[in-house]
Amino acid sequence: MIKSKAVLVLLLGWLIPGLGHFSIKKYTKGAIFLGSIALMILLGFLMEGRVYSFETQNPLTILAFFSDLGNGLFYFLTRWLGGGLGNLKSPTFEFGTAYIAGAGLLNYLVALDAFDIAMGRKK
């Protein structure tokens, strides 16, 4: 049986990296996850990486969109503010894009970890 609190923890953890852990009083883990994922996103932006929107022309673009969507609130703020367009001419473009996508994928795992703790499957 899935607990409603665990689902809330999952959503909070996805929305803001580490917030799911903060909500279940795992402050050290939450701070480490927030710092790590935020740093990956920041480095990705500094390397002029791209944040993908949902586009159906290319299946790989759809996968990139779901990777970036894993960044939760950071993704929505970036799209709303018109950032994350990337600079294809930059030599660090691919690395920056990979950092942003990697941060999103890592945040999915972090949110699932908080969900497992809230469900009592982990400590």
N, C-alpha and C. Protein backbone atom coordinates (compact mmCIF):
# COMPACT_ATOMS: atom_id res chain seq x y z
N MET A 1 0.84 -1.18 0.00
CA MET A 1 0.00 0.00 0.00
C MET A 1 0.88 1.25 0.00
N ILE A 2 0.65 2.12 -0.95
CA ILE A 2 1.43 3.35 -1.05
C ILE A 2 0.83 4.39 -0.11
N LYS A 3 1.70 4.98 0.69
CA LYS A 3 1.27 6.01 1.63
C LYS A 3 1.20 7.35 0.92
N SER A 4 0.20 8.15 1.26
CA SER A 4 0.07 9.47 0.63
C SER A 4 1.23 10.38 1.01
N LYS A 5 1.78 10.21 2.22
CA LYS A 5 2.93 11.00 2.63
C LYS A 5 4.13 10.67 1.75
N ALA A 6 4.30 9.41 1.39
CA ALA A 6 5.43 9.01 0.56
C ALA A 6 5.31 9.61 -0.84
N VAL A 7 4.11 9.69 -1.36
CA VAL A 7 3.90 10.31 -2.68
C VAL A 7 4.23 11.80 -2.61
N LEU A 8 3.82 12.46 -1.53
CA LEU A 8 4.15 13.88 -1.34
C LEU A 8 5.66 14.07 -1.26
N VAL A 9 6.34 13.19 -0.55
CA VAL A 9 7.80 13.26 -0.43
C VAL A 9 8.44 13.09 -1.82
N LEU A 10 7.91 12.17 -2.61
CA LEU A 10 8.41 11.95 -3.97
C LEU A 10 8.25 13.22 -4.81
N LEU A 11 7.08 13.83 -4.76
CA LEU A 11 6.83 15.05 -5.54
C LEU A 11 7.69 16.22 -5.08
N LEU A 12 7.85 16.37 -3.77
CA LEU A 12 8.71 17.43 -3.24
C LEU A 12 10.15 17.22 -3.66
N GLY A 13 10.60 15.95 -3.60
CA GLY A 13 11.97 15.62 -3.99
C GLY A 13 12.22 15.86 -5.46
N TRP A 14 11.20 15.65 -6.28
CA TRP A 14 11.37 15.92 -7.72
C TRP A 14 11.35 17.42 -7.98
N LEU A 15 10.46 18.14 -7.30
CA LEU A 15 10.30 19.57 -7.54
C LEU A 15 11.57 20.35 -7.20
N ILE A 16 12.13 20.08 -6.05
CA ILE A 16 13.38 20.73 -5.62
C ILE A 16 14.30 19.63 -5.10
N PRO A 17 15.45 19.46 -5.74
CA PRO A 17 16.37 18.39 -5.32
C PRO A 17 16.69 18.47 -3.82
N GLY A 18 16.54 17.34 -3.15
CA GLY A 18 16.84 17.26 -1.73
C GLY A 18 15.68 17.61 -0.82
N LEU A 19 14.64 18.26 -1.34
CA LEU A 19 13.52 18.67 -0.48
C LEU A 19 12.77 17.47 0.08
N GLY A 20 12.70 16.39 -0.66
CA GLY A 20 12.07 15.18 -0.16
C GLY A 20 12.79 14.66 1.08
N HIS A 21 14.12 14.70 1.03
CA HIS A 21 14.90 14.25 2.20
C HIS A 21 14.75 15.21 3.36
N PHE A 22 14.71 16.51 3.08
CA PHE A 22 14.49 17.49 4.14
C PHE A 22 13.14 17.25 4.82
N SER A 23 12.12 16.91 4.03
CA SER A 23 10.78 16.73 4.60
C SER A 23 10.67 15.50 5.50
N ILE A 24 11.58 14.54 5.35
CA ILE A 24 11.57 13.36 6.23
C ILE A 24 12.73 13.39 7.23
N LYS A 25 13.25 14.61 7.43
CA LYS A 25 14.27 14.89 8.45
C LYS A 25 15.61 14.20 8.19
N LYS A 26 15.94 14.02 6.93
CA LYS A 26 17.27 13.53 6.52
C LYS A 26 18.03 14.74 5.97
N TYR A 27 18.40 15.64 6.90
CA TYR A 27 18.92 16.94 6.52
C TYR A 27 20.28 16.87 5.83
N THR A 28 21.16 16.01 6.30
CA THR A 28 22.49 15.91 5.70
C THR A 28 22.39 15.41 4.27
N LYS A 29 21.63 14.33 4.08
CA LYS A 29 21.44 13.81 2.72
C LYS A 29 20.80 14.86 1.82
N GLY A 30 19.78 15.53 2.32
CA GLY A 30 19.09 16.55 1.54
C GLY A 30 20.02 17.67 1.11
N ALA A 31 20.87 18.12 2.03
CA ALA A 31 21.80 19.21 1.72
C ALA A 31 22.83 18.75 0.68
N ILE A 32 23.32 17.53 0.83
CA ILE A 32 24.30 17.01 -0.14
C ILE A 32 23.67 16.89 -1.52
N PHE A 33 22.46 16.34 -1.58
CA PHE A 33 21.80 16.18 -2.88
C PHE A 33 21.47 17.53 -3.51
N LEU A 34 20.96 18.46 -2.71
CA LEU A 34 20.64 19.78 -3.23
C LEU A 34 21.90 20.46 -3.77
N GLY A 35 22.96 20.43 -3.00
CA GLY A 35 24.22 21.07 -3.43
C GLY A 35 24.79 20.43 -4.67
N SER A 36 24.80 19.11 -4.72
CA SER A 36 25.38 18.41 -5.86
C SER A 36 24.60 18.65 -7.15
N ILE A 37 23.30 18.50 -7.07
CA ILE A 37 22.47 18.65 -8.27
C ILE A 37 22.44 20.11 -8.71
N ALA A 38 22.35 21.04 -7.78
CA ALA A 38 22.37 22.46 -8.14
C ALA A 38 23.70 22.84 -8.78
N LEU A 39 24.79 22.28 -8.28
CA LEU A 39 26.10 22.55 -8.86
C LEU A 39 26.21 21.98 -10.28
N MET A 40 25.66 20.80 -10.48
CA MET A 40 25.67 20.22 -11.84
C MET A 40 24.88 21.10 -12.80
N ILE A 41 23.73 21.58 -12.37
CA ILE A 41 22.90 22.46 -13.22
C ILE A 41 23.64 23.76 -13.50
N LEU A 42 24.23 24.35 -12.47
CA LEU A 42 24.96 25.60 -12.64
C LEU A 42 26.13 25.43 -13.61
N LEU A 43 26.89 24.36 -13.44
CA LEU A 43 28.01 24.10 -14.35
C LEU A 43 27.51 23.91 -15.78
N GLY A 44 26.38 23.22 -15.91
CA GLY A 44 25.81 23.02 -17.24
C GLY A 44 25.45 24.34 -17.90
N PHE A 45 24.87 25.27 -17.14
CA PHE A 45 24.53 26.58 -17.68
C PHE A 45 25.78 27.38 -18.00
N LEU A 46 26.79 27.31 -17.12
CA LEU A 46 28.03 28.04 -17.37
C LEU A 46 28.76 27.51 -18.60
N MET A 47 28.58 26.22 -18.90
CA MET A 47 29.18 25.63 -20.09
C MET A 47 28.28 25.80 -21.32
N GLU A 48 27.25 26.62 -21.17
CA GLU A 48 26.33 26.96 -22.25
C GLU A 48 25.58 25.76 -22.82
N GLY A 49 25.16 24.87 -21.91
CA GLY A 49 24.37 23.70 -22.31
C GLY A 49 22.93 24.08 -22.61
N ARG A 50 22.24 23.15 -23.24
CA ARG A 50 20.86 23.39 -23.66
C ARG A 50 19.89 22.64 -22.76
N VAL A 51 18.74 23.26 -22.49
CA VAL A 51 17.62 22.63 -21.80
C VAL A 51 16.56 22.39 -22.87
N TYR A 52 16.20 21.14 -23.09
CA TYR A 52 15.30 20.78 -24.18
C TYR A 52 13.83 20.90 -23.77
N SER A 53 13.02 21.37 -24.72
CA SER A 53 11.58 21.36 -24.55
C SER A 53 11.04 20.12 -25.27
N PHE A 54 9.75 19.87 -25.14
CA PHE A 54 9.16 18.68 -25.76
C PHE A 54 9.00 18.93 -27.26
N GLU A 55 9.73 18.17 -28.06
CA GLU A 55 9.67 18.26 -29.52
C GLU A 55 9.54 16.84 -30.06
N THR A 56 8.64 16.64 -31.00
CA THR A 56 8.37 15.28 -31.49
C THR A 56 9.12 14.92 -32.76
N GLN A 57 9.91 15.83 -33.32
CA GLN A 57 10.59 15.52 -34.57
C GLN A 57 11.66 14.44 -34.40
N ASN A 58 12.29 14.41 -33.27
CA ASN A 58 13.41 13.51 -33.05
C ASN A 58 13.20 12.75 -31.74
N PRO A 59 13.19 11.41 -31.79
CA PRO A 59 12.99 10.65 -30.54
C PRO A 59 14.04 10.93 -29.47
N LEU A 60 15.26 11.24 -29.87
CA LEU A 60 16.30 11.54 -28.89
C LEU A 60 16.01 12.85 -28.17
N THR A 61 15.37 13.78 -28.85
CA THR A 61 14.99 15.04 -28.22
C THR A 61 13.94 14.80 -27.14
N ILE A 62 13.05 13.84 -27.37
CA ILE A 62 12.04 13.50 -26.36
C ILE A 62 12.73 12.95 -25.12
N LEU A 63 13.73 12.09 -25.31
CA LEU A 63 14.48 11.55 -24.16
C LEU A 63 15.22 12.67 -23.43
N ALA A 64 15.81 13.59 -24.18
CA ALA A 64 16.51 14.72 -23.56
C ALA A 64 15.53 15.58 -22.75
N PHE A 65 14.33 15.76 -23.28
CA PHE A 65 13.30 16.53 -22.56
C PHE A 65 12.99 15.88 -21.21
N PHE A 66 12.78 14.56 -21.21
CA PHE A 66 12.45 13.89 -19.94
C PHE A 66 13.63 13.90 -18.98
N SER A 67 14.84 13.87 -19.49
CA SER A 67 16.01 14.01 -18.62
C SER A 67 16.04 15.38 -17.98
N ASP A 68 15.83 16.41 -18.78
CA ASP A 68 15.85 17.77 -18.25
C ASP A 68 14.67 18.04 -17.32
N LEU A 69 13.53 17.45 -17.60
CA LEU A 69 12.35 17.61 -16.75
C LEU A 69 12.61 17.09 -15.33
N GLY A 70 13.55 16.18 -15.20
CA GLY A 70 13.92 15.67 -13.88
C GLY A 70 14.45 16.74 -12.95
N ASN A 71 14.84 17.88 -13.49
CA ASN A 71 15.35 18.97 -12.66
C ASN A 71 14.25 19.74 -11.95
N GLY A 72 13.00 19.36 -12.19
CA GLY A 72 11.86 19.94 -11.47
C GLY A 72 11.72 21.43 -11.65
N LEU A 73 11.72 22.15 -10.55
CA LEU A 73 11.49 23.59 -10.56
C LEU A 73 12.54 24.32 -11.40
N PHE A 74 13.78 23.84 -11.37
CA PHE A 74 14.83 24.47 -12.17
C PHE A 74 14.47 24.43 -13.65
N TYR A 75 13.89 23.32 -14.09
CA TYR A 75 13.47 23.20 -15.49
C TYR A 75 12.41 24.24 -15.82
N PHE A 76 11.38 24.33 -15.00
CA PHE A 76 10.28 25.26 -15.27
C PHE A 76 10.74 26.71 -15.22
N LEU A 77 11.60 27.05 -14.27
CA LEU A 77 12.13 28.42 -14.21
C LEU A 77 12.95 28.74 -15.45
N THR A 78 13.74 27.81 -15.89
CA THR A 78 14.56 28.02 -17.08
C THR A 78 13.69 28.26 -18.30
N ARG A 79 12.66 27.43 -18.47
CA ARG A 79 11.76 27.60 -19.63
C ARG A 79 10.99 28.90 -19.53
N TRP A 80 10.53 29.26 -18.32
CA TRP A 80 9.74 30.47 -18.11
C TRP A 80 10.58 31.72 -18.36
N LEU A 81 11.85 31.68 -17.92
CA LEU A 81 12.73 32.85 -18.08
C LEU A 81 13.37 32.90 -19.47
N GLY A 82 13.14 31.89 -20.28
CA GLY A 82 13.69 31.88 -21.63
C GLY A 82 15.16 31.51 -21.71
N GLY A 83 15.70 30.89 -20.67
CA GLY A 83 17.10 30.49 -20.67
C GLY A 83 17.29 29.08 -21.17
N GLY A 84 18.51 28.61 -21.06
CA GLY A 84 18.83 27.24 -21.42
C GLY A 84 18.79 26.95 -22.91
N LEU A 85 18.99 27.99 -23.73
CA LEU A 85 18.96 27.78 -25.17
C LEU A 85 20.24 27.12 -25.68
N GLY A 86 21.31 27.26 -24.91
CA GLY A 86 22.58 26.67 -25.31
C GLY A 86 23.26 27.47 -26.40
N ASN A 87 24.53 27.20 -26.57
CA ASN A 87 25.32 27.85 -27.61
C ASN A 87 26.06 26.76 -28.36
N LEU A 88 25.52 26.35 -29.48
CA LEU A 88 26.08 25.25 -30.26
C LEU A 88 27.52 25.51 -30.68
N LYS A 89 27.91 26.77 -30.78
CA LYS A 89 29.27 27.12 -31.19
C LYS A 89 30.28 27.01 -30.05
N SER A 90 29.78 26.91 -28.83
CA SER A 90 30.66 26.81 -27.67
C SER A 90 31.32 25.43 -27.63
N PRO A 91 32.61 25.38 -27.35
CA PRO A 91 33.28 24.08 -27.26
C PRO A 91 32.80 23.23 -26.08
N THR A 92 32.13 23.85 -25.12
CA THR A 92 31.66 23.11 -23.95
C THR A 92 30.16 22.81 -24.01
N PHE A 93 29.52 23.10 -25.14
CA PHE A 93 28.08 22.93 -25.29
C PHE A 93 27.63 21.51 -24.93
N GLU A 94 28.27 20.51 -25.51
CA GLU A 94 27.87 19.11 -25.27
C GLU A 94 28.05 18.72 -23.80
N PHE A 95 29.14 19.17 -23.20
CA PHE A 95 29.36 18.85 -21.79
C PHE A 95 28.32 19.52 -20.90
N GLY A 96 28.02 20.77 -21.21
CA GLY A 96 27.00 21.49 -20.43
C GLY A 96 25.64 20.85 -20.54
N THR A 97 25.28 20.44 -21.75
CA THR A 97 24.00 19.76 -21.97
C THR A 97 23.96 18.44 -21.21
N ALA A 98 25.08 17.72 -21.22
CA ALA A 98 25.15 16.45 -20.50
C ALA A 98 25.06 16.66 -18.98
N TYR A 99 25.66 17.72 -18.47
CA TYR A 99 25.58 18.00 -17.03
C TYR A 99 24.13 18.29 -16.62
N ILE A 100 23.43 19.07 -17.43
CA ILE A 100 22.05 19.42 -17.11
C ILE A 100 21.17 18.17 -17.16
N ALA A 101 21.33 17.37 -18.21
CA ALA A 101 20.55 16.13 -18.33
C ALA A 101 20.91 15.15 -17.21
N GLY A 102 22.19 15.05 -16.90
CA GLY A 102 22.63 14.15 -15.82
C GLY A 102 22.07 14.57 -14.47
N ALA A 103 21.98 15.87 -14.25
CA ALA A 103 21.40 16.37 -13.00
C ALA A 103 19.93 15.96 -12.89
N GLY A 104 19.21 16.04 -14.00
CA GLY A 104 17.80 15.64 -14.00
C GLY A 104 17.63 14.16 -13.72
N LEU A 105 18.46 13.34 -14.35
CA LEU A 105 18.37 11.89 -14.11
C LEU A 105 18.75 11.55 -12.68
N LEU A 106 19.77 12.22 -12.16
CA LEU A 106 20.16 12.00 -10.77
C LEU A 106 19.05 12.42 -9.82
N ASN A 107 18.36 13.51 -10.14
CA ASN A 107 17.27 13.96 -9.26
C ASN A 107 16.12 12.96 -9.23
N TYR A 108 15.85 12.29 -10.36
CA TYR A 108 14.84 11.23 -10.33
C TYR A 108 15.22 10.16 -9.30
N LEU A 109 16.48 9.75 -9.32
CA LEU A 109 16.94 8.73 -8.37
C LEU A 109 16.88 9.22 -6.93
N VAL A 110 17.24 10.46 -6.71
CA VAL A 110 17.21 11.05 -5.37
C VAL A 110 15.77 11.11 -4.85
N ALA A 111 14.84 11.52 -5.71
CA ALA A 111 13.43 11.58 -5.30
C ALA A 111 12.90 10.18 -4.98
N LEU A 112 13.31 9.19 -5.78
CA LEU A 112 12.89 7.81 -5.50
C LEU A 112 13.50 7.29 -4.20
N ASP A 113 14.72 7.72 -3.89
CA ASP A 113 15.34 7.33 -2.62
C ASP A 113 14.53 7.88 -1.45
N ALA A 114 14.12 9.14 -1.54
CA ALA A 114 13.30 9.74 -0.47
C ALA A 114 11.96 9.02 -0.36
N PHE A 115 11.40 8.64 -1.50
CA PHE A 115 10.14 7.88 -1.51
C PHE A 115 10.31 6.54 -0.79
N ASP A 116 11.40 5.83 -1.09
CA ASP A 116 11.65 4.54 -0.43
C ASP A 116 11.82 4.69 1.08
N ILE A 117 12.49 5.75 1.49
CA ILE A 117 12.66 5.99 2.94
C ILE A 117 11.30 6.28 3.57
N ALA A 118 10.48 7.10 2.92
CA ALA A 118 9.16 7.44 3.46
C ALA A 118 8.24 6.21 3.50
N MET A 119 8.44 5.28 2.57
CA MET A 119 7.63 4.05 2.56
C MET A 119 8.11 3.03 3.61
N GLY A 120 9.29 3.27 4.17
CA GLY A 120 9.84 2.36 5.17
C GLY A 120 10.67 1.23 4.58
N ARG A 121 10.99 1.31 3.29
CA ARG A 121 11.81 0.28 2.63
C ARG A 121 13.28 0.46 2.89
N LYS A 122 13.67 1.68 3.27
CA LYS A 122 15.07 2.03 3.52
C LYS A 122 15.15 2.87 4.78
N LYS A 123 16.37 3.00 5.28
CA LYS A 123 16.60 3.89 6.43
C LYS A 123 17.35 5.11 6.02
